Amino acid sequence: MSQTSQPVFNATPVVLALIAINAGVHAVRLVLPEQWSMIAGTLGGFSPPWFLAAVMGEGAPYTLILLASPLTYAFLHADLLHLALNMAFLLAFGTPMERRLGRGRFLGLYFACALCGAGASLALFSYSHEQTIMVGASGAISGLFGAVLRLTTRRALLVIAIFIGSNVVLGYTGVPGTGEVRSIAWEAHIGGFLAGFVLFPLLDGLNRHGRRFGRGNS
């Protein structure tokens, strides 16, 4: 009996919603006055020293915004190219993950990877004291890539080594045309990637356990 396979880019509801939110946030920033747009990107982006100040009660009057920045940074992008690239990868990696895990567990994985990306940036700051403001969904999306890798191959060590090595190299050498700005948040990519690689089998096991006892996907 033949089985019809679903196309990879037959996007799922949560993936489409995330793309719409990211695009909507960027569209709002485009129509705002430039100064307001910069303020939104600065406060909503993740800055380790500012976040730590907020945790210690020193971030007033923006404490709540700064405390939320480990998640809000993932909905802000530097420019249209940055947004387009991240949304393309979200579509590619998020679609099979949402089908596999269901909506609730997929969202849990996505936000956990975003948080781990911010956590990796915080850890790097504690070592290097480099002050950066990080924006972009690539930490969360790197986590989806790690989850897809865990799902599709048993020999992932080489890909992991290449992913980590290439991110470190780009992080310290930069991307041509970006000048002296560190344009790659390599630590967030690695933190998110490792989180997705580790968390996927746990969430997938819960998903299959739920199906076994007749519970639908969340």
Protein backbone atom coordinates (compact mmCIF):
# COMPACT_ATOMS: atom_id res chain seq x y z
CA MET A 1 0.00 0.00 0.00
CA SER A 2 1.45 3.36 -0.99
CA GLN A 3 1.75 6.21 1.46
CA THR A 4 1.53 9.84 0.46
CA SER A 5 4.20 11.97 2.12
CA GLN A 6 3.59 15.57 3.12
CA PRO A 7 5.77 18.23 1.50
CA VAL A 8 8.34 19.77 3.82
CA PHE A 9 7.11 23.31 3.24
CA ASN A 10 3.41 22.61 3.87
CA ALA A 11 3.71 24.93 6.85
CA THR A 12 2.05 24.19 10.17
CA PRO A 13 -0.11 26.66 12.17
CA VAL A 14 2.33 27.60 14.94
CA VAL A 15 5.20 28.07 12.50
CA LEU A 16 3.03 30.37 10.40
CA ALA A 17 1.96 32.26 13.53
CA LEU A 18 5.57 32.76 14.62
CA ILE A 19 6.51 34.00 11.15
CA ALA A 20 3.54 36.39 11.17
CA ILE A 21 4.45 37.77 14.62
CA ASN A 22 8.09 38.28 13.66
CA ALA A 23 7.12 39.96 10.40
CA GLY A 24 4.49 42.08 12.17
CA VAL A 25 6.94 43.28 14.82
CA HIS A 26 9.44 44.24 12.14
CA ALA A 27 6.77 46.01 10.09
CA VAL A 28 5.76 48.09 13.12
CA ARG A 29 9.39 49.08 13.70
CA LEU A 30 9.70 50.12 10.06
CA VAL A 31 6.80 52.58 10.34
CA LEU A 32 7.87 53.97 13.72
CA PRO A 33 10.08 57.05 13.89
CA GLU A 34 13.70 55.95 13.68
CA GLN A 35 14.47 56.91 17.27
CA TRP A 36 11.52 54.91 18.64
CA SER A 37 12.47 51.92 16.51
CA MET A 38 16.00 52.04 17.90
CA ILE A 39 14.66 52.26 21.47
CA ALA A 40 12.43 49.23 20.88
CA GLY A 41 15.33 47.24 19.46
CA THR A 42 17.63 48.30 22.28
CA LEU A 43 15.28 47.59 25.18
CA GLY A 44 13.76 44.47 23.64
CA GLY A 45 17.11 43.03 22.60
CA PHE A 46 19.08 40.93 25.07
CA SER A 47 21.96 42.67 26.78
CA PRO A 48 23.58 40.57 29.56
CA PRO A 49 24.67 43.50 31.76
CA TRP A 50 21.30 45.22 31.47
CA PHE A 51 19.48 41.97 32.21
CA LEU A 52 21.64 41.37 35.29
CA ALA A 53 20.97 44.92 36.44
CA ALA A 54 17.24 44.31 36.14
CA VAL A 55 17.52 41.05 38.09
CA MET A 56 19.26 42.98 40.86
CA GLY A 57 16.55 45.65 40.83
CA GLU A 58 18.69 48.31 39.18
CA GLY A 59 16.97 48.50 35.79
CA ALA A 60 14.14 50.92 36.66
CA PRO A 61 12.04 52.19 34.94
CA TYR A 62 12.53 49.44 32.36
CA THR A 63 12.86 46.47 34.74
CA LEU A 64 9.96 44.42 33.39
CA ILE A 65 11.02 44.92 29.77
CA LEU A 66 14.61 43.95 30.53
CA LEU A 67 13.51 40.89 32.51
CA ALA A 68 11.48 39.75 29.50
CA SER A 69 14.38 40.33 27.07
CA PRO A 70 15.58 36.66 27.12
CA LEU A 71 12.43 36.02 25.05
CA THR A 72 11.64 39.33 23.38
CA TYR A 73 15.02 39.44 21.62
CA ALA A 74 13.88 36.48 19.53
CA PHE A 75 11.14 38.59 17.92
CA LEU A 76 13.38 41.48 16.87
CA HIS A 77 15.61 41.61 13.79
CA ALA A 78 18.31 43.95 12.59
CA ASP A 79 16.98 44.36 9.05
CA LEU A 80 14.81 42.72 6.38
CA LEU A 81 17.55 40.34 5.24
CA HIS A 82 18.10 39.14 8.80
CA LEU A 83 14.34 38.60 9.17
CA ALA A 84 13.96 36.83 5.82
CA LEU A 85 16.82 34.40 6.45
CA ASN A 86 15.59 33.49 9.93
CA MET A 87 12.00 33.01 8.78
CA ALA A 88 13.14 30.77 5.91
CA PHE A 89 15.03 28.55 8.35
CA LEU A 90 12.09 28.61 10.78
CA LEU A 91 9.85 27.36 7.98
CA ALA A 92 12.31 24.62 7.03
CA PHE A 93 13.15 23.31 10.51
CA GLY A 94 9.99 24.25 12.39
CA THR A 95 7.52 22.55 10.08
CA PRO A 96 8.72 18.95 10.63
CA MET A 97 9.24 19.63 14.35
CA GLU A 98 5.69 20.89 14.88
CA ARG A 99 4.32 17.90 13.00
CA ARG A 100 6.38 15.58 15.14
CA LEU A 101 5.83 17.15 18.57
CA GLY A 102 2.47 18.86 18.29
CA ARG A 103 1.81 22.54 18.87
CA GLY A 104 2.35 22.82 22.61
CA ARG A 105 5.58 20.85 22.84
CA PHE A 106 6.92 22.54 19.72
CA LEU A 107 6.37 25.96 21.28
CA GLY A 108 7.97 24.73 24.48
CA LEU A 109 11.03 23.60 22.53
CA TYR A 110 11.20 26.86 20.57
CA PHE A 111 11.10 29.11 23.61
CA ALA A 112 13.42 26.87 25.63
CA CYS A 113 16.02 27.14 22.87
CA ALA A 114 15.58 30.92 22.74
CA LEU A 115 16.14 31.07 26.50
CA CYS A 116 19.20 28.85 26.28
CA GLY A 117 20.57 31.10 23.54
CA ALA A 118 20.24 34.06 25.90
CA GLY A 119 21.76 31.96 28.69
CA ALA A 120 24.78 31.21 26.52
CA SER A 121 25.21 34.94 25.85
CA LEU A 122 25.01 35.57 29.59
CA ALA A 123 27.64 32.91 30.24
CA LEU A 124 29.96 34.41 27.63
CA PHE A 125 29.55 37.86 29.18
CA SER A 126 30.54 36.52 32.60
CA TYR A 127 33.81 35.40 31.00
CA SER A 128 34.61 38.09 28.42
CA HIS A 129 32.63 41.11 29.75
CA GLU A 130 31.87 41.99 26.14
CA GLN A 131 28.81 44.22 26.07
CA THR A 132 26.47 43.36 23.23
CA ILE A 133 22.77 43.72 22.41
CA MET A 134 21.49 40.58 20.75
CA VAL A 135 18.43 40.38 18.49
CA GLY A 136 17.05 37.66 16.24
CA ALA A 137 15.31 34.30 16.30
CA SER A 138 18.43 32.38 15.29
CA GLY A 139 19.07 30.98 18.78
CA ALA A 140 15.64 29.34 18.80
CA ILE A 141 15.97 28.28 15.17
CA SER A 142 19.40 26.77 15.80
CA GLY A 143 17.67 24.70 18.46
CA LEU A 144 15.16 23.46 15.90
CA PHE A 145 18.08 22.50 13.67
CA GLY A 146 19.61 20.57 16.57
CA ALA A 147 16.30 18.78 17.10
CA VAL A 148 15.96 17.92 13.41
CA LEU A 149 19.52 16.62 13.43
CA ARG A 150 18.73 14.42 16.44
CA LEU A 151 15.68 13.09 14.63
CA THR A 152 17.29 12.38 11.26
CA THR A 153 20.75 11.01 12.02
CA ARG A 154 22.46 8.82 14.58
CA ARG A 155 25.95 10.03 13.69
CA ALA A 156 25.69 13.69 14.54
CA LEU A 157 29.09 14.36 16.13
CA LEU A 158 30.68 15.59 12.90
CA VAL A 159 27.79 17.96 12.14
CA ILE A 160 27.85 19.25 15.72
CA ALA A 161 31.60 19.91 15.50
CA ILE A 162 31.19 21.72 12.15
CA PHE A 163 28.27 23.79 13.45
CA ILE A 164 30.07 24.88 16.61
CA GLY A 165 33.39 25.47 14.86
CA SER A 166 31.91 27.52 12.04
CA ASN A 167 29.94 29.69 14.46
CA VAL A 168 32.99 30.38 16.62
CA VAL A 169 35.08 31.25 13.56
CA LEU A 170 32.42 33.59 12.14
CA GLY A 171 31.86 35.09 15.56
CA TYR A 172 35.48 36.11 15.93
CA THR A 173 36.36 36.89 12.32
CA GLY A 174 33.06 38.52 11.35
CA VAL A 175 31.02 38.45 8.17
CA PRO A 176 32.43 40.31 5.14
CA GLY A 177 30.89 43.75 4.78
CA THR A 178 29.87 44.18 8.41
CA GLY A 179 32.94 46.16 9.48
CA GLU A 180 33.83 45.96 13.13
CA VAL A 181 30.32 45.02 14.29
CA ARG A 182 30.03 41.49 15.68
CA SER A 183 27.18 40.44 13.42
CA ILE A 184 26.94 36.80 14.51
CA ALA A 185 25.64 35.89 17.96
CA TRP A 186 27.57 32.64 17.79
CA GLU A 187 27.17 31.81 21.46
CA ALA A 188 23.36 32.02 21.17
CA HIS A 189 23.43 29.78 18.10
CA ILE A 190 25.46 27.16 19.99
CA GLY A 191 23.39 27.44 23.17
CA GLY A 192 20.12 27.07 21.28
CA PHE A 193 21.47 24.28 19.09
CA LEU A 194 22.65 22.18 22.03
CA ALA A 195 19.36 22.77 23.86
CA GLY A 196 17.37 21.52 20.89
CA PHE A 197 19.63 18.51 20.45
CA VAL A 198 19.28 17.54 24.13
CA LEU A 199 15.61 18.43 24.71
CA PHE A 200 14.10 16.89 21.57
CA PRO A 201 14.21 13.23 22.68
CA LEU A 202 12.69 14.18 26.05
CA LEU A 203 9.79 16.06 24.46
CA ASP A 204 9.39 13.44 21.76
CA GLY A 205 9.19 10.73 24.41
CA LEU A 206 6.47 12.66 26.25
CA ASN A 207 4.63 13.12 22.96
CA ARG A 208 4.65 9.42 22.13
CA HIS A 209 3.69 8.54 25.71
CA GLY A 210 0.69 10.83 25.45
CA ARG A 211 -0.40 9.26 22.15
CA ARG A 212 -0.08 5.78 23.64
CA PHE A 213 -2.67 6.66 26.29
CA GLY A 214 -5.02 8.34 23.87
CA ARG A 215 -4.25 12.00 24.49
CA GLY A 216 -4.24 14.26 21.46
CA ASN A 217 -1.44 16.59 20.49
CA SER A 218 -1.44 19.89 22.31
